[in-house]
Amino acid sequence: MYGTQSTTISEHAVCIAHEVNQPLTAILTNAETALLWLTRDPANLDEAKQAIERIIGNTLRAADVVRGVRDLVRRSPPIAANLDINDLIKDLLNLVSLDLRLHRITVEVDLAENLESIRGDHGQLERVVANLVANGIEAMRTVQDRQRKLRISTRLDKSGDVLVAVEDTGTGLDPALVDRIFDPLFTTKCEGMGLGLWICRSIVTAHGGRLWATPNLPHGSIFRFVVPATVGPSTVGSKTVAPGRCRQTMRTNRQLESFVSGAACS
């Protein structure tokens, strides 16, 4: 019994460590940047202020990750609310803007206007976008012979659901491994834990959507995910949710428990 509990605690710790690594790294980078701006003569207070604001934002992200894993362990229902995916993306890009600049990555944003709100857990969906952006940065880290460009776009698909695409000009996907990249504990990175994409797909699936990857020819990868524009048994705005979609969404709590009780965190 003790051995089982010890293993479970260790695996929960791995999940938390993976998820908080990004915001903690951003906190350190922005703290060093703020100190640099403050020690200049004259000090650049505007840049230092922006760095400190990003520190606050990333601290809240880290706290939200811990809260999310804690709630899953306690089997608490996810916190669902209507949210604007475009605002979520813009806020996240602001938090990681320094990391993008340090890696000389050009960001192109193409966000569709007047998108319907989606219903979901803000912190969990933010983690999806953050992981996909982090993967794009990592994929372009060694690129020297072409522009490093990250493109994020949103639009409504043919079904009226919200589609988000994150494109990079990095090293691309190995065709032999593309079917395995969403498997838990599978990674092609020396220091990777093999949890990021698995967690992303689990979150998107729990929100009634899907996540997939394709090559970004001639270089790079495209990760796309789609989530319902509205979720629930009622009509939100002008879109009525299909009964089948409602039943799928009602499985949210059970599916999200896979973070801490699935293959990697059981």
Protein backbone atom coordinates (compact mmCIF):
# COMPACT_ATOMS: atom_id res chain seq x y z
CA MET A 1 0.00 0.00 0.00
CA TYR A 2 2.76 2.43 0.95
CA GLY A 3 4.64 1.62 -2.25
CA THR A 4 1.59 2.37 -4.39
CA GLN A 5 0.98 5.69 -2.62
CA SER A 6 4.64 6.63 -2.95
CA THR A 7 4.60 5.91 -6.69
CA THR A 8 1.43 7.93 -7.19
CA ILE A 9 2.86 10.92 -5.34
CA SER A 10 6.05 10.74 -7.40
CA GLU A 11 4.12 10.67 -10.66
CA HIS A 12 1.93 13.59 -9.56
CA ALA A 13 5.14 15.49 -8.86
CA VAL A 14 6.39 14.75 -12.38
CA CYS A 15 3.18 16.18 -13.84
CA ILE A 16 3.46 19.34 -11.77
CA ALA A 17 7.17 19.73 -12.55
CA HIS A 18 6.51 19.49 -16.27
CA GLU A 19 3.67 21.99 -16.27
CA VAL A 20 5.26 24.65 -14.03
CA ASN A 21 8.62 24.55 -15.82
CA GLN A 22 7.53 27.03 -18.51
CA PRO A 23 6.17 29.78 -16.25
CA LEU A 24 9.04 29.39 -13.77
CA THR A 25 11.60 29.74 -16.57
CA ALA A 26 9.76 32.83 -17.80
CA ILE A 27 9.74 34.28 -14.28
CA LEU A 28 13.51 33.89 -13.99
CA THR A 29 14.17 35.35 -17.43
CA ASN A 30 11.95 38.36 -16.80
CA ALA A 31 13.45 38.93 -13.35
CA GLU A 32 16.94 39.04 -14.85
CA THR A 33 15.69 41.39 -17.56
CA ALA A 34 14.02 43.72 -15.04
CA LEU A 35 17.24 43.86 -13.02
CA LEU A 36 19.20 44.68 -16.17
CA TRP A 37 16.90 47.58 -17.07
CA LEU A 38 16.98 48.92 -13.50
CA THR A 39 20.78 48.87 -13.27
CA ARG A 40 21.28 50.79 -16.51
CA ASP A 41 22.28 54.43 -16.36
CA PRO A 42 19.74 55.84 -16.76
CA ALA A 43 17.37 53.10 -15.69
CA ASN A 44 14.64 52.16 -18.15
CA LEU A 45 11.64 52.06 -15.85
CA ASP A 46 9.11 51.33 -18.59
CA GLU A 47 10.90 48.15 -19.71
CA ALA A 48 11.45 47.10 -16.10
CA LYS A 49 7.76 47.65 -15.34
CA GLN A 50 6.73 45.48 -18.29
CA ALA A 51 9.10 42.71 -17.18
CA ILE A 52 7.67 42.80 -13.66
CA GLU A 53 4.13 42.64 -15.04
CA ARG A 54 5.14 39.52 -16.98
CA ILE A 55 6.58 38.06 -13.78
CA ILE A 56 3.23 38.56 -12.07
CA GLY A 57 1.39 36.97 -14.98
CA ASN A 58 3.64 33.94 -15.10
CA THR A 59 3.44 33.55 -11.32
CA LEU A 60 -0.33 33.37 -11.64
CA ARG A 61 0.11 30.78 -14.43
CA ALA A 62 2.29 28.62 -12.18
CA ALA A 63 -0.19 28.91 -9.32
CA ASP A 64 -3.01 27.96 -11.68
CA VAL A 65 -1.13 24.84 -12.79
CA VAL A 66 -0.73 23.71 -9.19
CA ARG A 67 -4.38 24.47 -8.54
CA GLY A 68 -5.42 22.49 -11.60
CA VAL A 69 -3.44 19.37 -10.67
CA ARG A 70 -4.65 19.63 -7.05
CA ASP A 71 -8.27 19.79 -8.20
CA LEU A 72 -7.75 16.78 -10.43
CA VAL A 73 -6.29 14.77 -7.56
CA ARG A 74 -9.30 15.75 -5.46
CA ARG A 75 -11.58 14.98 -8.42
CA SER A 76 -12.99 18.49 -8.28
CA PRO A 77 -14.99 19.52 -11.36
CA PRO A 78 -13.15 21.80 -13.81
CA ILE A 79 -13.89 25.52 -13.62
CA ALA A 80 -15.82 26.17 -16.83
CA ALA A 81 -16.68 29.64 -18.04
CA ASN A 82 -17.32 31.46 -21.28
CA LEU A 83 -14.03 32.77 -22.64
CA ASP A 84 -12.62 34.50 -25.68
CA ILE A 85 -9.89 32.33 -27.21
CA ASN A 86 -8.40 35.37 -29.00
CA ASP A 87 -7.93 37.22 -25.71
CA LEU A 88 -6.40 34.10 -24.17
CA ILE A 89 -3.87 33.86 -27.02
CA LYS A 90 -2.95 37.56 -26.87
CA ASP A 91 -2.44 37.43 -23.09
CA LEU A 92 -0.29 34.31 -23.37
CA LEU A 93 1.88 35.82 -26.13
CA ASN A 94 2.48 38.84 -23.93
CA LEU A 95 3.69 36.58 -21.11
CA VAL A 96 6.16 34.75 -23.38
CA SER A 97 7.15 37.77 -25.49
CA LEU A 98 10.61 38.01 -23.94
CA ASP A 99 11.37 34.36 -24.68
CA LEU A 100 10.31 34.91 -28.29
CA ARG A 101 12.58 37.93 -28.62
CA LEU A 102 15.55 36.17 -27.03
CA HIS A 103 15.24 33.39 -29.62
CA ARG A 104 14.80 35.93 -32.45
CA ILE A 105 11.41 34.56 -33.41
CA THR A 106 9.02 36.64 -35.48
CA VAL A 107 5.39 36.29 -34.43
CA GLU A 108 2.54 36.53 -36.89
CA VAL A 109 -0.96 36.63 -35.44
CA ASP A 110 -4.11 36.18 -37.52
CA LEU A 111 -7.09 36.09 -35.17
CA ALA A 112 -10.56 35.96 -36.71
CA GLU A 113 -12.88 38.73 -35.64
CA ASN A 114 -16.21 38.16 -33.92
CA LEU A 115 -15.48 34.59 -32.87
CA GLU A 116 -18.12 33.12 -30.61
CA SER A 117 -16.97 32.47 -27.07
CA ILE A 118 -16.16 28.93 -26.01
CA ARG A 119 -16.96 27.36 -22.67
CA GLY A 120 -14.06 25.80 -20.86
CA ASP A 121 -11.40 26.03 -18.18
CA HIS A 122 -9.24 29.08 -18.89
CA GLY A 123 -6.15 27.73 -17.15
CA GLN A 124 -6.30 24.38 -18.93
CA LEU A 125 -6.78 25.85 -22.40
CA GLU A 126 -4.04 28.37 -21.71
CA ARG A 127 -1.75 25.43 -20.95
CA VAL A 128 -2.55 23.95 -24.37
CA VAL A 129 -1.57 27.13 -26.20
CA ALA A 130 1.50 27.62 -23.95
CA ASN A 131 2.73 24.08 -24.62
CA LEU A 132 2.26 24.42 -28.38
CA VAL A 133 4.07 27.77 -28.42
CA ALA A 134 6.89 26.32 -26.30
CA ASN A 135 7.20 23.39 -28.70
CA GLY A 136 7.43 25.81 -31.62
CA ILE A 137 10.18 27.78 -29.90
CA GLU A 138 12.07 24.59 -29.13
CA ALA A 139 11.74 23.37 -32.73
CA MET A 140 13.27 26.62 -34.07
CA ARG A 141 16.03 26.91 -31.49
CA THR A 142 18.74 25.56 -33.83
CA VAL A 143 17.43 27.01 -37.11
CA GLN A 144 20.01 29.27 -38.77
CA ASP A 145 19.30 29.16 -42.52
CA ARG A 146 15.80 30.67 -42.55
CA GLN A 147 13.53 33.01 -40.66
CA ARG A 148 12.25 31.74 -37.35
CA LYS A 149 8.55 32.46 -37.54
CA LEU A 150 5.71 31.47 -35.26
CA ARG A 151 2.24 31.97 -36.66
CA ILE A 152 -0.92 31.66 -34.60
CA SER A 153 -4.34 31.88 -36.19
CA THR A 154 -7.97 31.35 -35.25
CA ARG A 155 -11.08 30.86 -37.35
CA LEU A 156 -14.38 29.05 -37.45
CA ASP A 157 -14.26 25.69 -39.21
CA LYS A 158 -16.98 24.29 -41.44
CA SER A 159 -18.85 22.95 -38.41
CA GLY A 160 -18.91 26.37 -36.76
CA ASP A 161 -16.38 25.37 -34.10
CA VAL A 162 -13.29 27.35 -33.15
CA LEU A 163 -10.06 26.24 -34.83
CA VAL A 164 -6.66 27.32 -33.48
CA ALA A 165 -3.45 26.72 -35.46
CA VAL A 166 0.13 27.14 -34.20
CA GLU A 167 2.71 27.01 -37.00
CA ASP A 168 6.50 27.11 -36.83
CA THR A 169 9.42 26.99 -39.28
CA GLY A 170 11.46 24.60 -37.20
CA THR A 171 12.94 21.17 -37.75
CA GLY A 172 9.58 19.60 -38.57
CA LEU A 173 8.00 16.26 -37.77
CA ASP A 174 9.59 12.90 -38.39
CA PRO A 175 6.98 10.97 -40.46
CA ALA A 176 8.00 7.78 -38.67
CA LEU A 177 7.19 9.31 -35.27
CA VAL A 178 4.22 11.57 -35.98
CA ASP A 179 1.73 8.95 -34.77
CA ARG A 180 3.54 8.65 -31.43
CA ILE A 181 4.13 12.28 -30.44
CA PHE A 182 0.91 12.41 -28.43
CA ASP A 183 1.70 9.24 -26.48
CA PRO A 184 2.50 9.69 -22.77
CA LEU A 185 6.20 9.50 -21.90
CA PHE A 186 7.25 9.64 -25.57
CA THR A 187 9.71 12.42 -26.36
CA THR A 188 12.39 13.26 -28.91
CA LYS A 189 14.01 15.83 -26.61
CA CYS A 190 17.04 15.01 -24.49
CA GLU A 191 15.51 16.71 -21.45
CA GLY A 192 11.86 16.12 -22.32
CA MET A 193 9.38 14.28 -20.10
CA GLY A 194 7.03 13.21 -22.88
CA LEU A 195 3.98 14.76 -21.21
CA GLY A 196 3.35 18.10 -22.95
CA LEU A 197 1.53 16.98 -26.08
CA TRP A 198 -0.25 14.18 -24.25
CA ILE A 199 -1.58 16.70 -21.71
CA CYS A 200 -2.60 19.06 -24.53
CA ARG A 201 -4.58 16.37 -26.32
CA SER A 202 -6.19 15.24 -23.05
CA ILE A 203 -7.36 18.77 -22.31
CA VAL A 204 -8.69 19.40 -25.82
CA THR A 205 -10.47 16.03 -25.90
CA ALA A 206 -12.00 16.75 -22.50
CA HIS A 207 -13.38 20.00 -23.90
CA GLY A 208 -15.13 18.09 -26.69
CA GLY A 209 -12.50 18.87 -29.33
CA ARG A 210 -9.49 17.30 -31.01
CA LEU A 211 -5.80 18.07 -31.57
CA TRP A 212 -3.60 16.93 -34.43
CA ALA A 213 -0.30 17.75 -36.17
CA THR A 214 0.79 18.06 -39.81
CA PRO A 215 3.99 19.14 -41.60
CA ASN A 216 4.37 22.84 -42.40
CA LEU A 217 5.95 22.58 -45.84
CA PRO A 218 8.67 23.28 -46.73
CA HIS A 219 9.85 23.58 -43.11
CA GLY A 220 8.29 23.15 -39.72
CA SER A 221 5.10 21.84 -38.16
CA ILE A 222 1.50 22.88 -37.69
CA PHE A 223 -0.45 21.92 -34.59
CA ARG A 224 -4.18 22.49 -34.81
CA PHE A 225 -6.93 22.03 -32.29
CA VAL A 226 -10.64 22.59 -32.54
CA VAL A 227 -13.08 23.15 -29.68
CA PRO A 228 -16.83 23.78 -29.75
CA ALA A 229 -17.78 27.43 -30.07
CA THR A 230 -20.34 26.85 -27.32
CA VAL A 231 -20.61 24.04 -24.79
CA GLY A 232 -23.60 22.93 -22.75
CA PRO A 233 -27.21 21.81 -23.17
CA SER A 234 -28.43 25.35 -23.83
CA THR A 235 -28.16 27.81 -26.69
CA VAL A 236 -25.35 30.34 -26.36
CA GLY A 237 -25.59 33.24 -28.79
CA SER A 238 -26.96 31.89 -32.06
CA LYS A 239 -25.41 28.42 -31.91
CA THR A 240 -27.23 25.42 -30.44
CA VAL A 241 -25.04 22.63 -29.17
CA ALA A 242 -25.82 19.17 -30.49
CA PRO A 243 -26.90 16.59 -27.86
CA GLY A 244 -24.00 14.30 -28.80
CA ARG A 245 -21.55 17.13 -28.17
CA CYS A 246 -23.14 17.76 -24.78
CA ARG A 247 -22.71 14.14 -23.75
CA GLN A 248 -19.08 14.24 -24.86
CA THR A 249 -18.44 17.37 -22.85
CA MET A 250 -20.06 15.88 -19.74
CA ARG A 251 -17.15 13.43 -19.66
CA THR A 252 -14.76 16.32 -18.98
CA ASN A 253 -13.98 15.53 -15.36
CA ARG A 254 -13.41 11.83 -15.97
CA GLN A 255 -11.10 12.48 -18.95
CA LEU A 256 -9.11 15.15 -17.17
CA GLU A 257 -8.40 12.71 -14.35
CA SER A 258 -6.04 10.99 -16.80
CA PHE A 259 -3.50 13.71 -15.99
CA VAL A 260 -2.96 12.16 -12.60
CA SER A 261 -4.32 8.66 -13.04
CA GLY A 262 -3.37 7.76 -16.62
CA ALA A 263 -0.33 6.12 -18.13
CA ALA A 264 2.14 8.70 -16.88
CA CYS A 265 0.44 9.80 -13.69
CA SER A 266 -1.46 6.82 -12.41
